[in-house]
Amino acid sequence: MATAGGASSIITQVQQAGGPPINTLGDIGGDEHITLDLRGTRFTLSRDELLTLPEFVLLSLFPNGLLPDGHMGTFHEGDIYPVDYDPVSLQYMLDFFRSVAQSIPSSPTASASQDLDISPDSMQGSTRDMLQDRAGIIVLREDLDFYAIPPRPDIDHAEMIEVKRAAARALLKQDGIFSGLRKSDEAGSTEQHLIEMLTAGGFDRDDRWGHRAPEPNKAVICSLALAKLRTDIRGDIPNNNAVGMAQKLLLFWRKPARRCWWEGIELENIEGVEGKVKIWIRRVWTLEMVRLVNPATDLTAQPNMTAECNWASITNSTNHLRFSFF
C-alpha cells in the first residue's frame, strides 16, 4: 500500500511545481508589448496593461519577475513566453478592467469629488484624492483545496480519482461568493465583518463568482470576483459605517492580504458512491484593491500611473503578502 502522502497516495491531492528562474522586466518600455502563452491561449499586452493587474496576480504569473533566464536584455516584441495560468480568468479580469477604465473621465473635473458624495470631515483628504479621478476595483480570489476521504476502505486509485472529479463538479456548483462564510452567524466574527466590509464596498450578499474553474490535474478550484468600489457613499448619514468600510478597503491597495479557513462538509449524490462523501476544504481568500485611470488621461507628469503599481515589489518573494485581513 502506498505511504500516506506519497506521490501515488490518494491523500496527496495537490502538487507544488516550481517554475524556471525568472527575471524582471528589464528595459521593456511601457508602450512595448509582450506576448504570453497561457496554456495554449495567447495574450499580447503592453507593459503598462500588465501592471494594471493586481499584485498577487502578477506574483502568480511571474513568481520572481517576468522574463525567463536567458531573455534578460534580449527582449524582442513578438517573443512568446509560456505562463501556467488560467487564460479564462485573465481574460475576465482584463475585460472588467478595460470596461471600468473606459468609463472614467479622461481628465479630473470638479464634479469628480462631488460624485463620491463624501463629506470632507468623513474621509481623510488623502483617501479622497486616491479616487478623485480614478476608479477603485475590489479583487477577490478564492483558492479552494479539497481533500476527499475514501468512501470505503477497498477503493482503488482509479476509482478514487473519479470520486474526486465528481466532488469537484459538485463543488463548482456551489458558486455563491459568501456561501462558504455563512456558517458562523456570531455577531462580530471575522467572517461577518469580512462580509460587511465587502458588501459595503461593492459586492452584494447574493453575488456569485465571476469566474470559477478547477485547476488542471489538481483537487483545487480557483474563483475570482471583481467589483467596482462604491462611490455613492454619504458621510453625513448617522450611524453609516460605509465610509469606514471604504477606507478599510483602500488599505489593501498594492497590499494583497490572505486569510484561510478549514471546514468539513459532506456531499451527497456523488456519482459512483453510495451515501455521502466526506470532504475537507481549505479556502484561501486573497483580497486586493486596484486603482485605474482612463488610458486617455494625460499622465506626462506621472509616468506609468495607469498601472498604479510598484513593479519593484513584484520581484520580491511571496512573503510580501500579509496573512490577515484585519
C-alpha atoms as a PDB file:
ATOM      1  CA  MET A   1       0.000   0.000   0.000  1.00  0.00           C
ATOM      2  CA  ALA A   2       1.304   3.478  -0.831  1.00  0.00           C
ATOM      3  CA  THR A   3       2.645   5.528   2.015  1.00  0.00           C
ATOM      4  CA  ALA A   4       0.254   8.279   3.125  1.00  0.00           C
ATOM      5  CA  GLY A   5       1.232  11.497   1.438  1.00  0.00           C
ATOM      6  CA  GLY A   6       3.370   9.745  -1.162  1.00  0.00           C
ATOM      7  CA  ALA A   7       3.266  10.504  -4.850  1.00  0.00           C
ATOM      8  CA  SER A   8       0.707   7.762  -5.518  1.00  0.00           C
ATOM      9  CA  SER A   9      -1.327   8.247  -2.358  1.00  0.00           C
ATOM     10  CA  ILE A  10      -4.967   9.204  -2.632  1.00  0.00           C
ATOM     11  CA  ILE A  11      -4.288  11.615   0.223  1.00  0.00           C
ATOM     12  CA  THR A  12      -1.861  13.597  -1.913  1.00  0.00           C
ATOM     13  CA  GLN A  13      -4.095  15.873  -3.943  1.00  0.00           C
ATOM     14  CA  VAL A  14      -2.053  18.994  -4.711  1.00  0.00           C
ATOM     15  CA  GLN A  15       1.445  19.050  -6.112  1.00  0.00           C
ATOM     16  CA  GLN A  16       3.506  22.217  -5.952  1.00  0.00           C
ATOM     17  CA  ALA A  17       5.592  22.640  -9.081  1.00  0.00           C
ATOM     18  CA  GLY A  18       8.210  25.347  -9.215  1.00  0.00           C
ATOM     19  CA  GLY A  19       8.741  27.198 -12.484  1.00  0.00           C
ATOM     20  CA  PRO A  20      12.035  28.203 -14.064  1.00  0.00           C
ATOM     21  CA  PRO A  21      14.011  31.141 -12.668  1.00  0.00           C
ATOM     22  CA  ILE A  22      12.503  34.441 -13.756  1.00  0.00           C
ATOM     23  CA  ASN A  23      13.979  37.914 -14.001  1.00  0.00           C
ATOM     24  CA  THR A  24      12.469  41.395 -14.084  1.00  0.00           C
ATOM     25  CA  LEU A  25      11.028  43.485 -16.893  1.00  0.00           C
ATOM     26  CA  GLY A  26      14.462  44.858 -17.653  1.00  0.00           C
ATOM     27  CA  ASP A  27      14.398  47.551 -20.321  1.00  0.00           C
ATOM     28  CA  ILE A  28      10.923  46.848 -21.672  1.00  0.00           C
ATOM     29  CA  GLY A  29       9.240  50.187 -22.305  1.00  0.00           C
ATOM     30  CA  GLY A  30       5.741  50.979 -21.115  1.00  0.00           C
ATOM     31  CA  ASP A  31       4.491  51.162 -24.710  1.00  0.00           C
ATOM     32  CA  GLU A  32       6.126  47.911 -25.808  1.00  0.00           C
ATOM     33  CA  HIS A  33       4.208  44.668 -25.882  1.00  0.00           C
ATOM     34  CA  ILE A  34       4.834  41.174 -24.641  1.00  0.00           C
ATOM     35  CA  THR A  35       3.067  38.025 -25.783  1.00  0.00           C
ATOM     36  CA  LEU A  36       2.200  35.429 -23.168  1.00  0.00           C
ATOM     37  CA  ASP A  37       1.068  31.878 -23.840  1.00  0.00           C
ATOM     38  CA  LEU A  38      -1.338  30.827 -21.095  1.00  0.00           C
ATOM     39  CA  ARG A  39      -1.997  27.116 -21.507  1.00  0.00           C
ATOM     40  CA  GLY A  40      -2.293  27.477 -25.274  1.00  0.00           C
ATOM     41  CA  THR A  41      -4.080  30.850 -25.335  1.00  0.00           C
ATOM     42  CA  ARG A  42      -2.002  33.867 -26.331  1.00  0.00           C
ATOM     43  CA  PHE A  43      -2.296  37.359 -24.883  1.00  0.00           C
ATOM     44  CA  THR A  44      -0.417  40.355 -26.253  1.00  0.00           C
ATOM     45  CA  LEU A  45      -0.259  43.046 -23.587  1.00  0.00           C
ATOM     46  CA  SER A  46       1.665  46.245 -23.068  1.00  0.00           C
ATOM     47  CA  ARG A  47       3.867  46.600 -20.027  1.00  0.00           C
ATOM     48  CA  ASP A  48       1.504  49.242 -18.666  1.00  0.00           C
ATOM     49  CA  GLU A  49      -1.521  46.973 -19.047  1.00  0.00           C
ATOM     50  CA  LEU A  50       0.322  44.140 -17.329  1.00  0.00           C
ATOM     51  CA  LEU A  51       0.955  46.447 -14.414  1.00  0.00           C
ATOM     52  CA  THR A  52      -2.730  47.245 -14.027  1.00  0.00           C
ATOM     53  CA  LEU A  53      -3.174  43.679 -12.812  1.00  0.00           C
ATOM     54  CA  PRO A  54      -3.344  43.063  -9.074  1.00  0.00           C
ATOM     55  CA  GLU A  55      -0.039  42.421  -7.404  1.00  0.00           C
ATOM     56  CA  PHE A  56      -0.985  38.927  -6.265  1.00  0.00           C
ATOM     57  CA  VAL A  57      -1.904  38.037  -9.859  1.00  0.00           C
ATOM     58  CA  LEU A  58       1.475  39.248 -11.087  1.00  0.00           C
ATOM     59  CA  LEU A  59       3.115  37.160  -8.389  1.00  0.00           C
ATOM     60  CA  SER A  60       1.173  34.152  -9.666  1.00  0.00           C
ATOM     61  CA  LEU A  61       2.054  34.868 -13.288  1.00  0.00           C
ATOM     62  CA  PHE A  62       5.696  35.683 -12.618  1.00  0.00           C
ATOM     63  CA  PRO A  63       6.815  34.435  -9.179  1.00  0.00           C
ATOM     64  CA  ASN A  64      10.261  36.077  -9.399  1.00  0.00           C
ATOM     65  CA  GLY A  65       9.816  38.748 -12.032  1.00  0.00           C
ATOM     66  CA  LEU A  66       8.901  38.481 -15.680  1.00  0.00           C
ATOM     67  CA  LEU A  67      11.404  37.280 -18.257  1.00  0.00           C
ATOM     68  CA  PRO A  68      12.915  33.787 -18.057  1.00  0.00           C
ATOM     69  CA  ASP A  69      16.674  33.450 -17.680  1.00  0.00           C
ATOM     70  CA  GLY A  70      18.412  33.908 -20.993  1.00  0.00           C
ATOM     71  CA  HIS A  71      15.996  36.626 -22.115  1.00  0.00           C
ATOM     72  CA  MET A  72      17.274  39.362 -19.830  1.00  0.00           C
ATOM     73  CA  GLY A  73      18.311  42.273 -22.037  1.00  0.00           C
ATOM     74  CA  THR A  74      17.267  40.373 -25.171  1.00  0.00           C
ATOM     75  CA  PHE A  75      13.564  41.196 -25.213  1.00  0.00           C
ATOM     76  CA  HIS A  76      12.048  41.420 -28.683  1.00  0.00           C
ATOM     77  CA  GLU A  77       8.455  42.177 -29.497  1.00  0.00           C
ATOM     78  CA  GLY A  78       6.952  39.034 -30.926  1.00  0.00           C
ATOM     79  CA  ASP A  79       8.685  36.708 -28.499  1.00  0.00           C
ATOM     80  CA  ILE A  80       6.268  34.359 -26.767  1.00  0.00           C
ATOM     81  CA  TYR A  81       6.616  33.490 -23.080  1.00  0.00           C
ATOM     82  CA  PRO A  82       4.756  30.479 -21.651  1.00  0.00           C
ATOM     83  CA  VAL A  83       2.927  31.006 -18.356  1.00  0.00           C
ATOM     84  CA  ASP A  84       0.961  28.419 -16.375  1.00  0.00           C
ATOM     85  CA  TYR A  85      -2.169  30.432 -15.569  1.00  0.00           C
ATOM     86  CA  ASP A  86      -5.872  30.127 -16.347  1.00  0.00           C
ATOM     87  CA  PRO A  87      -6.462  32.124 -19.561  1.00  0.00           C
ATOM     88  CA  VAL A  88     -10.213  32.493 -18.962  1.00  0.00           C
ATOM     89  CA  SER A  89      -9.561  34.038 -15.555  1.00  0.00           C
ATOM     90  CA  LEU A  90      -7.100  36.532 -17.031  1.00  0.00           C
ATOM     91  CA  GLN A  91      -9.482  37.429 -19.870  1.00  0.00           C
ATOM     92  CA  TYR A  92     -12.309  38.036 -17.389  1.00  0.00           C
ATOM     93  CA  MET A  93     -10.067  40.372 -15.425  1.00  0.00           C
ATOM     94  CA  LEU A  94      -8.784  42.256 -18.478  1.00  0.00           C
ATOM     95  CA  ASP A  95     -12.310  42.760 -19.849  1.00  0.00           C
ATOM     96  CA  PHE A  96     -13.539  44.091 -16.497  1.00  0.00           C
ATOM     97  CA  PHE A  97     -10.571  46.439 -16.062  1.00  0.00           C
ATOM     98  CA  ARG A  98     -10.824  47.777 -19.610  1.00  0.00           C
ATOM     99  CA  SER A  99     -14.542  48.433 -19.234  1.00  0.00           C
ATOM    100  CA  VAL A 100     -14.074  50.305 -15.957  1.00  0.00           C
ATOM    101  CA  ALA A 101     -11.090  52.294 -17.254  1.00  0.00           C
ATOM    102  CA  GLN A 102     -13.066  53.493 -20.282  1.00  0.00           C
ATOM    103  CA  SER A 103     -15.850  54.739 -18.006  1.00  0.00           C
ATOM    104  CA  ILE A 104     -13.512  57.037 -16.058  1.00  0.00           C
ATOM    105  CA  PRO A 105     -13.329  60.697 -17.173  1.00  0.00           C
ATOM    106  CA  SER A 106     -10.128  61.298 -19.147  1.00  0.00           C
ATOM    107  CA  SER A 107      -9.318  64.383 -17.084  1.00  0.00           C
ATOM    108  CA  PRO A 108     -10.098  65.382 -13.494  1.00  0.00           C
ATOM    109  CA  THR A 109     -13.169  67.537 -13.095  1.00  0.00           C
ATOM    110  CA  ALA A 110     -14.623  69.466 -10.243  1.00  0.00           C
ATOM    111  CA  SER A 111     -17.559  67.086 -10.228  1.00  0.00           C
ATOM    112  CA  ALA A 112     -15.364  64.044  -9.694  1.00  0.00           C
ATOM    113  CA  SER A 113     -15.093  64.559  -5.965  1.00  0.00           C
ATOM    114  CA  GLN A 114     -18.752  65.501  -5.812  1.00  0.00           C
ATOM    115  CA  ASP A 115     -19.656  62.176  -7.413  1.00  0.00           C
ATOM    116  CA  LEU A 116     -18.102  60.469  -4.424  1.00  0.00           C
ATOM    117  CA  ASP A 117     -20.684  62.219  -2.250  1.00  0.00           C
ATOM    118  CA  ILE A 118     -18.391  62.041   0.770  1.00  0.00           C
ATOM    119  CA  SER A 119     -18.157  64.952   3.151  1.00  0.00           C
ATOM    120  CA  PRO A 120     -14.635  66.283   3.860  1.00  0.00           C
ATOM    121  CA  ASP A 121     -14.979  65.506   7.563  1.00  0.00           C
ATOM    122  CA  SER A 122     -15.925  61.897   6.942  1.00  0.00           C
ATOM    123  CA  MET A 123     -12.900  60.896   4.913  1.00  0.00           C
ATOM    124  CA  GLN A 124      -9.289  61.993   5.058  1.00  0.00           C
ATOM    125  CA  GLY A 125      -8.048  64.121   2.172  1.00  0.00           C
ATOM    126  CA  SER A 126      -5.526  61.528   1.030  1.00  0.00           C
ATOM    127  CA  THR A 127      -8.282  58.947   0.759  1.00  0.00           C
ATOM    128  CA  ARG A 128     -10.476  61.293  -1.276  1.00  0.00           C
ATOM    129  CA  ASP A 129      -7.561  62.062  -3.570  1.00  0.00           C
ATOM    130  CA  MET A 130      -6.975  58.372  -4.222  1.00  0.00           C
ATOM    131  CA  LEU A 131     -10.327  58.110  -6.007  1.00  0.00           C
ATOM    132  CA  GLN A 132     -10.877  61.637  -7.288  1.00  0.00           C
ATOM    133  CA  ASP A 133     -10.055  60.846 -10.936  1.00  0.00           C
ATOM    134  CA  ARG A 134      -9.681  57.107 -10.621  1.00  0.00           C
ATOM    135  CA  ALA A 135     -11.792  54.016 -10.060  1.00  0.00           C
ATOM    136  CA  GLY A 136     -11.166  51.517  -7.326  1.00  0.00           C
ATOM    137  CA  ILE A 137     -11.677  47.833  -8.055  1.00  0.00           C
ATOM    138  CA  ILE A 138     -12.002  45.178  -5.372  1.00  0.00           C
ATOM    139  CA  VAL A 139     -10.284  41.971  -6.462  1.00  0.00           C
ATOM    140  CA  LEU A 140     -11.197  38.829  -4.546  1.00  0.00           C
ATOM    141  CA  ARG A 141      -9.760  35.394  -5.282  1.00  0.00           C
ATOM    142  CA  GLU A 142     -10.536  32.073  -3.651  1.00  0.00           C
ATOM    143  CA  ASP A 143      -8.272  29.041  -3.867  1.00  0.00           C
ATOM    144  CA  LEU A 144     -10.299  26.077  -2.669  1.00  0.00           C
ATOM    145  CA  ASP A 145      -8.270  22.929  -1.973  1.00  0.00           C
ATOM    146  CA  PHE A 146     -10.404  19.893  -1.234  1.00  0.00           C
ATOM    147  CA  TYR A 147      -9.475  16.541   0.233  1.00  0.00           C
ATOM    148  CA  ALA A 148     -11.868  13.656  -0.337  1.00  0.00           C
ATOM    149  CA  ILE A 149     -11.981  10.918   2.286  1.00  0.00           C
ATOM    150  CA  PRO A 150     -12.211   7.453   0.667  1.00  0.00           C
ATOM    151  CA  PRO A 151     -15.865   6.364   0.939  1.00  0.00           C
ATOM    152  CA  ARG A 152     -14.829   2.754   1.552  1.00  0.00           C
ATOM    153  CA  PRO A 153     -11.568   1.071   2.582  1.00  0.00           C
ATOM    154  CA  ASP A 154     -11.167  -1.108  -0.519  1.00  0.00           C
ATOM    155  CA  ILE A 155     -11.445   1.681  -3.106  1.00  0.00           C
ATOM    156  CA  ASP A 156      -8.644   1.653  -5.671  1.00  0.00           C
ATOM    157  CA  HIS A 157      -6.709   4.603  -7.058  1.00  0.00           C
ATOM    158  CA  ALA A 158      -8.631   4.867 -10.349  1.00  0.00           C
ATOM    159  CA  GLU A 159     -11.983   4.826  -8.552  1.00  0.00           C
ATOM    160  CA  MET A 160     -10.794   7.473  -6.113  1.00  0.00           C
ATOM    161  CA  ILE A 161      -9.764   9.731  -8.974  1.00  0.00           C
ATOM    162  CA  GLU A 162     -13.320   9.537 -10.308  1.00  0.00           C
ATOM    163  CA  VAL A 163     -14.704  10.347  -6.854  1.00  0.00           C
ATOM    164  CA  LYS A 164     -12.508  13.454  -6.739  1.00  0.00           C
ATOM    165  CA  ARG A 165     -13.672  14.553 -10.163  1.00  0.00           C
ATOM    166  CA  ALA A 166     -17.313  14.085  -9.194  1.00  0.00           C
ATOM    167  CA  ALA A 167     -16.707  16.013  -5.969  1.00  0.00           C
ATOM    168  CA  ALA A 168     -15.108  18.832  -7.967  1.00  0.00           C
ATOM    169  CA  ARG A 169     -18.180  19.065 -10.184  1.00  0.00           C
ATOM    170  CA  ALA A 170     -20.416  19.285  -7.125  1.00  0.00           C
ATOM    171  CA  LEU A 171     -18.245  21.957  -5.508  1.00  0.00           C
ATOM    172  CA  LEU A 172     -18.190  24.004  -8.714  1.00  0.00           C
ATOM    173  CA  LYS A 173     -21.954  24.380  -8.441  1.00  0.00           C
ATOM    174  CA  GLN A 174     -21.578  25.997  -5.008  1.00  0.00           C
ATOM    175  CA  ASP A 175     -20.666  29.306  -6.610  1.00  0.00           C
ATOM    176  CA  GLY A 176     -22.015  31.865  -4.140  1.00  0.00           C
ATOM    177  CA  ILE A 177     -19.170  34.141  -3.053  1.00  0.00           C
ATOM    178  CA  PHE A 178     -20.177  34.250   0.592  1.00  0.00           C
ATOM    179  CA  SER A 179     -21.888  30.865   0.871  1.00  0.00           C
ATOM    180  CA  GLY A 180     -18.791  29.325   2.413  1.00  0.00           C
ATOM    181  CA  LEU A 181     -18.508  32.040   5.062  1.00  0.00           C
ATOM    182  CA  ARG A 182     -22.058  31.968   6.398  1.00  0.00           C
ATOM    183  CA  LYS A 183     -21.508  29.057   8.740  1.00  0.00           C
ATOM    184  CA  SER A 184     -20.879  31.480  11.587  1.00  0.00           C
ATOM    185  CA  ASP A 185     -23.710  33.837  12.479  1.00  0.00           C
ATOM    186  CA  GLU A 186     -21.907  35.093  15.553  1.00  0.00           C
ATOM    187  CA  ALA A 187     -22.015  38.875  15.701  1.00  0.00           C
ATOM    188  CA  GLY A 188     -18.589  40.407  15.379  1.00  0.00           C
ATOM    189  CA  SER A 189     -16.976  37.283  13.936  1.00  0.00           C
ATOM    190  CA  THR A 190     -14.212  37.663  11.374  1.00  0.00           C
ATOM    191  CA  GLU A 191     -16.428  36.137   8.708  1.00  0.00           C
ATOM    192  CA  GLN A 192     -19.309  38.519   9.374  1.00  0.00           C
ATOM    193  CA  HIS A 193     -17.000  41.514   9.472  1.00  0.00           C
ATOM    194  CA  LEU A 194     -15.449  40.495   6.161  1.00  0.00           C
ATOM    195  CA  ILE A 195     -18.851  40.101   4.523  1.00  0.00           C
ATOM    196  CA  GLU A 196     -19.933  43.518   5.817  1.00  0.00           C
ATOM    197  CA  MET A 197     -16.769  45.162   4.524  1.00  0.00           C
ATOM    198  CA  LEU A 198     -17.049  43.664   1.049  1.00  0.00           C
ATOM    199  CA  THR A 199     -20.780  44.319   0.684  1.00  0.00           C
ATOM    200  CA  ALA A 200     -20.294  47.915   1.813  1.00  0.00           C
ATOM    201  CA  GLY A 201     -17.531  48.271  -0.760  1.00  0.00           C
ATOM    202  CA  GLY A 202     -19.313  46.977  -3.839  1.00  0.00           C
ATOM    203  CA  PHE A 203     -20.416  43.342  -3.611  1.00  0.00           C
ATOM    204  CA  ASP A 204     -23.917  42.052  -2.853  1.00  0.00           C
ATOM    205  CA  ARG A 205     -24.557  39.224  -0.403  1.00  0.00           C
ATOM    206  CA  ASP A 206     -26.029  37.032  -3.131  1.00  0.00           C
ATOM    207  CA  ASP A 207     -23.273  37.651  -5.690  1.00  0.00           C
ATOM    208  CA  ARG A 208     -21.687  34.705  -7.450  1.00  0.00           C
ATOM    209  CA  TRP A 209     -18.094  34.287  -8.523  1.00  0.00           C
ATOM    210  CA  GLY A 210     -17.384  35.957 -11.845  1.00  0.00           C
ATOM    211  CA  HIS A 211     -15.087  33.102 -12.815  1.00  0.00           C
ATOM    212  CA  ARG A 212     -14.845  29.682 -11.182  1.00  0.00           C
ATOM    213  CA  ALA A 213     -12.927  26.716 -12.584  1.00  0.00           C
ATOM    214  CA  PRO A 214     -10.857  23.724 -11.470  1.00  0.00           C
ATOM    215  CA  GLU A 215      -7.093  23.716 -11.867  1.00  0.00           C
ATOM    216  CA  PRO A 216      -5.842  21.031 -14.271  1.00  0.00           C
ATOM    217  CA  ASN A 217      -4.810  17.781 -12.575  1.00  0.00           C
ATOM    218  CA  LYS A 218      -5.306  19.200  -9.082  1.00  0.00           C
ATOM    219  CA  ALA A 219      -8.002  18.999  -6.441  1.00  0.00           C
ATOM    220  CA  VAL A 220      -8.184  22.794  -6.486  1.00  0.00           C
ATOM    221  CA  ILE A 221     -10.923  25.186  -7.589  1.00  0.00           C
ATOM    222  CA  CYS A 222      -9.946  28.793  -8.267  1.00  0.00           C
ATOM    223  CA  SER A 223     -12.558  31.536  -8.227  1.00  0.00           C
ATOM    224  CA  LEU A 224     -12.349  35.240  -8.987  1.00  0.00           C
ATOM    225  CA  ALA A 225     -14.760  38.101  -8.340  1.00  0.00           C
ATOM    226  CA  LEU A 226     -14.378  41.782  -9.198  1.00  0.00           C
ATOM    227  CA  ALA A 227     -16.406  44.765  -8.065  1.00  0.00           C
ATOM    228  CA  LYS A 228     -16.040  48.479  -8.635  1.00  0.00           C
ATOM    229  CA  LEU A 229     -15.626  50.283  -5.336  1.00  0.00           C
ATOM    230  CA  ARG A 230     -18.798  52.133  -4.437  1.00  0.00           C
ATOM    231  CA  THR A 231     -18.667  55.896  -4.761  1.00  0.00           C
ATOM    232  CA  ASP A 232     -22.269  56.568  -3.704  1.00  0.00           C
ATOM    233  CA  ILE A 233     -21.241  56.780  -0.062  1.00  0.00           C
ATOM    234  CA  ARG A 234     -22.753  59.518   2.043  1.00  0.00           C
ATOM    235  CA  GLY A 235     -20.765  60.593   5.058  1.00  0.00           C
ATOM    236  CA  ASP A 236     -23.496  62.731   6.594  1.00  0.00           C
ATOM    237  CA  ILE A 237     -25.843  59.864   7.454  1.00  0.00           C
ATOM    238  CA  PRO A 238     -25.832  58.985  11.173  1.00  0.00           C
ATOM    239  CA  ASN A 239     -24.515  55.513  12.081  1.00  0.00           C
ATOM    240  CA  ASN A 240     -23.463  54.886   8.497  1.00  0.00           C
ATOM    241  CA  ASN A 241     -20.250  52.854   8.533  1.00  0.00           C
ATOM    242  CA  ALA A 242     -19.885  52.606   4.745  1.00  0.00           C
ATOM    243  CA  VAL A 243     -17.257  55.361   4.700  1.00  0.00           C
ATOM    244  CA  GLY A 244     -15.149  53.499   7.224  1.00  0.00           C
ATOM    245  CA  MET A 245     -15.510  50.311   5.225  1.00  0.00           C
ATOM    246  CA  ALA A 246     -14.374  52.083   2.047  1.00  0.00           C
ATOM    247  CA  GLN A 247     -11.355  53.462   3.866  1.00  0.00           C
ATOM    248  CA  LYS A 248     -10.510  49.980   5.137  1.00  0.00           C
ATOM    249  CA  LEU A 249     -10.658  48.503   1.643  1.00  0.00           C
ATOM    250  CA  LEU A 250      -8.302  51.176   0.360  1.00  0.00           C
ATOM    251  CA  LEU A 251      -5.724  49.859   2.801  1.00  0.00           C
ATOM    252  CA  PHE A 252      -5.396  46.848   0.501  1.00  0.00           C
ATOM    253  CA  TRP A 253      -4.151  48.946  -2.414  1.00  0.00           C
ATOM    254  CA  ARG A 254      -0.876  47.300  -3.530  1.00  0.00           C
ATOM    255  CA  LYS A 255      -1.027  45.251  -0.308  1.00  0.00           C
ATOM    256  CA  PRO A 256      -2.735  41.923  -1.006  1.00  0.00           C
ATOM    257  CA  ALA A 257      -3.929  40.091   2.080  1.00  0.00           C
ATOM    258  CA  ARG A 258      -4.770  36.454   2.650  1.00  0.00           C
ATOM    259  CA  ARG A 259      -6.961  34.560   5.028  1.00  0.00           C
ATOM    260  CA  CYS A 260      -7.505  30.813   5.367  1.00  0.00           C
ATOM    261  CA  TRP A 261     -10.450  28.735   6.594  1.00  0.00           C
ATOM    262  CA  TRP A 262     -10.852  24.983   7.054  1.00  0.00           C
ATOM    263  CA  GLU A 263     -14.159  23.159   7.112  1.00  0.00           C
ATOM    264  CA  GLY A 264     -15.523  19.656   6.759  1.00  0.00           C
ATOM    265  CA  ILE A 265     -18.592  19.003   4.634  1.00  0.00           C
ATOM    266  CA  GLU A 266     -20.487  16.021   3.278  1.00  0.00           C
ATOM    267  CA  LEU A 267     -21.527  15.766  -0.354  1.00  0.00           C
ATOM    268  CA  GLU A 268     -24.487  13.706  -1.472  1.00  0.00           C
ATOM    269  CA  ASN A 269     -25.378  12.207  -4.846  1.00  0.00           C
ATOM    270  CA  ILE A 270     -21.757  11.765  -5.864  1.00  0.00           C
ATOM    271  CA  GLU A 271     -21.574   9.537  -8.914  1.00  0.00           C
ATOM    272  CA  GLY A 272     -20.310   6.055  -8.101  1.00  0.00           C
ATOM    273  CA  VAL A 273     -20.709   6.455  -4.336  1.00  0.00           C
ATOM    274  CA  GLU A 274     -23.468   5.127  -2.115  1.00  0.00           C
ATOM    275  CA  GLY A 275     -24.278   7.576   0.639  1.00  0.00           C
ATOM    276  CA  LYS A 276     -22.231  10.660   1.435  1.00  0.00           C
ATOM    277  CA  VAL A 277     -18.623  11.603   0.763  1.00  0.00           C
ATOM    278  CA  LYS A 278     -16.699  13.427   3.475  1.00  0.00           C
ATOM    279  CA  ILE A 279     -14.735  16.381   2.117  1.00  0.00           C
ATOM    280  CA  TRP A 280     -12.221  18.574   3.896  1.00  0.00           C
ATOM    281  CA  ILE A 281     -11.967  22.033   2.388  1.00  0.00           C
ATOM    282  CA  ARG A 282      -9.328  24.698   2.774  1.00  0.00           C
ATOM    283  CA  ARG A 283     -10.374  28.103   1.465  1.00  0.00           C
ATOM    284  CA  VAL A 284      -7.685  30.710   0.934  1.00  0.00           C
ATOM    285  CA  TRP A 285      -9.004  34.165   0.156  1.00  0.00           C
ATOM    286  CA  THR A 286      -6.782  36.850  -1.317  1.00  0.00           C
ATOM    287  CA  LEU A 287      -8.045  40.426  -1.280  1.00  0.00           C
ATOM    288  CA  GLU A 288      -6.509  43.409  -3.032  1.00  0.00           C
ATOM    289  CA  MET A 289      -7.541  46.851  -4.244  1.00  0.00           C
ATOM    290  CA  VAL A 290      -6.612  48.157  -7.687  1.00  0.00           C
ATOM    291  CA  ARG A 291      -6.920  51.763  -8.879  1.00  0.00           C
ATOM    292  CA  LEU A 292      -7.403  52.560 -12.545  1.00  0.00           C
ATOM    293  CA  VAL A 293      -7.354  55.734 -14.587  1.00  0.00           C
ATOM    294  CA  ASN A 294      -8.698  56.292 -18.069  1.00  0.00           C
ATOM    295  CA  PRO A 295      -5.990  55.235 -20.565  1.00  0.00           C
ATOM    296  CA  ALA A 296      -6.539  58.529 -22.410  1.00  0.00           C
ATOM    297  CA  THR A 297      -5.601  60.575 -19.337  1.00  0.00           C
ATOM    298  CA  ASP A 298      -2.503  62.737 -19.724  1.00  0.00           C
ATOM    299  CA  LEU A 299      -0.024  61.186 -17.342  1.00  0.00           C
ATOM    300  CA  THR A 300       3.066  63.044 -18.544  1.00  0.00           C
ATOM    301  CA  ALA A 301       3.812  64.371 -15.093  1.00  0.00           C
ATOM    302  CA  GLN A 302       3.320  60.940 -13.527  1.00  0.00           C
ATOM    303  CA  PRO A 303       4.600  58.247 -15.906  1.00  0.00           C
ATOM    304  CA  ASN A 304       3.142  54.748 -15.623  1.00  0.00           C
ATOM    305  CA  MET A 305       0.403  55.914 -13.263  1.00  0.00           C
ATOM    306  CA  THR A 306      -2.096  53.977 -15.367  1.00  0.00           C
ATOM    307  CA  ALA A 307      -0.667  50.915 -13.732  1.00  0.00           C
ATOM    308  CA  GLU A 308      -0.756  52.373 -10.210  1.00  0.00           C
ATOM    309  CA  CYS A 309       1.641  49.594  -9.268  1.00  0.00           C
ATOM    310  CA  ASN A 310       5.194  49.420  -7.988  1.00  0.00           C
ATOM    311  CA  TRP A 311       6.953  46.869 -10.165  1.00  0.00           C
ATOM    312  CA  ALA A 312       9.918  46.579  -7.797  1.00  0.00           C
ATOM    313  CA  SER A 313       7.723  44.890  -5.217  1.00  0.00           C
ATOM    314  CA  ILE A 314       6.588  42.307  -7.772  1.00  0.00           C
ATOM    315  CA  THR A 315      10.123  40.931  -7.955  1.00  0.00           C
ATOM    316  CA  ASN A 316      10.130  40.215  -4.232  1.00  0.00           C
ATOM    317  CA  SER A 317       9.133  36.873  -2.788  1.00  0.00           C
ATOM    318  CA  THR A 318       5.586  35.973  -1.856  1.00  0.00           C
ATOM    319  CA  ASN A 319       6.491  36.698   1.760  1.00  0.00           C
ATOM    320  CA  HIS A 320       5.384  40.202   0.784  1.00  0.00           C
ATOM    321  CA  LEU A 321       1.771  39.052   1.209  1.00  0.00           C
ATOM    322  CA  ARG A 322       0.116  39.682   4.534  1.00  0.00           C
ATOM    323  CA  PHE A 323      -1.804  36.852   6.137  1.00  0.00           C
ATOM    324  CA  SER A 324      -4.531  38.711   7.996  1.00  0.00           C
ATOM    325  CA  PHE A 325      -7.364  40.883   6.787  1.00  0.00           C
ATOM    326  CA  PHE A 326      -7.608  42.922   9.954  1.00  0.00           C
END
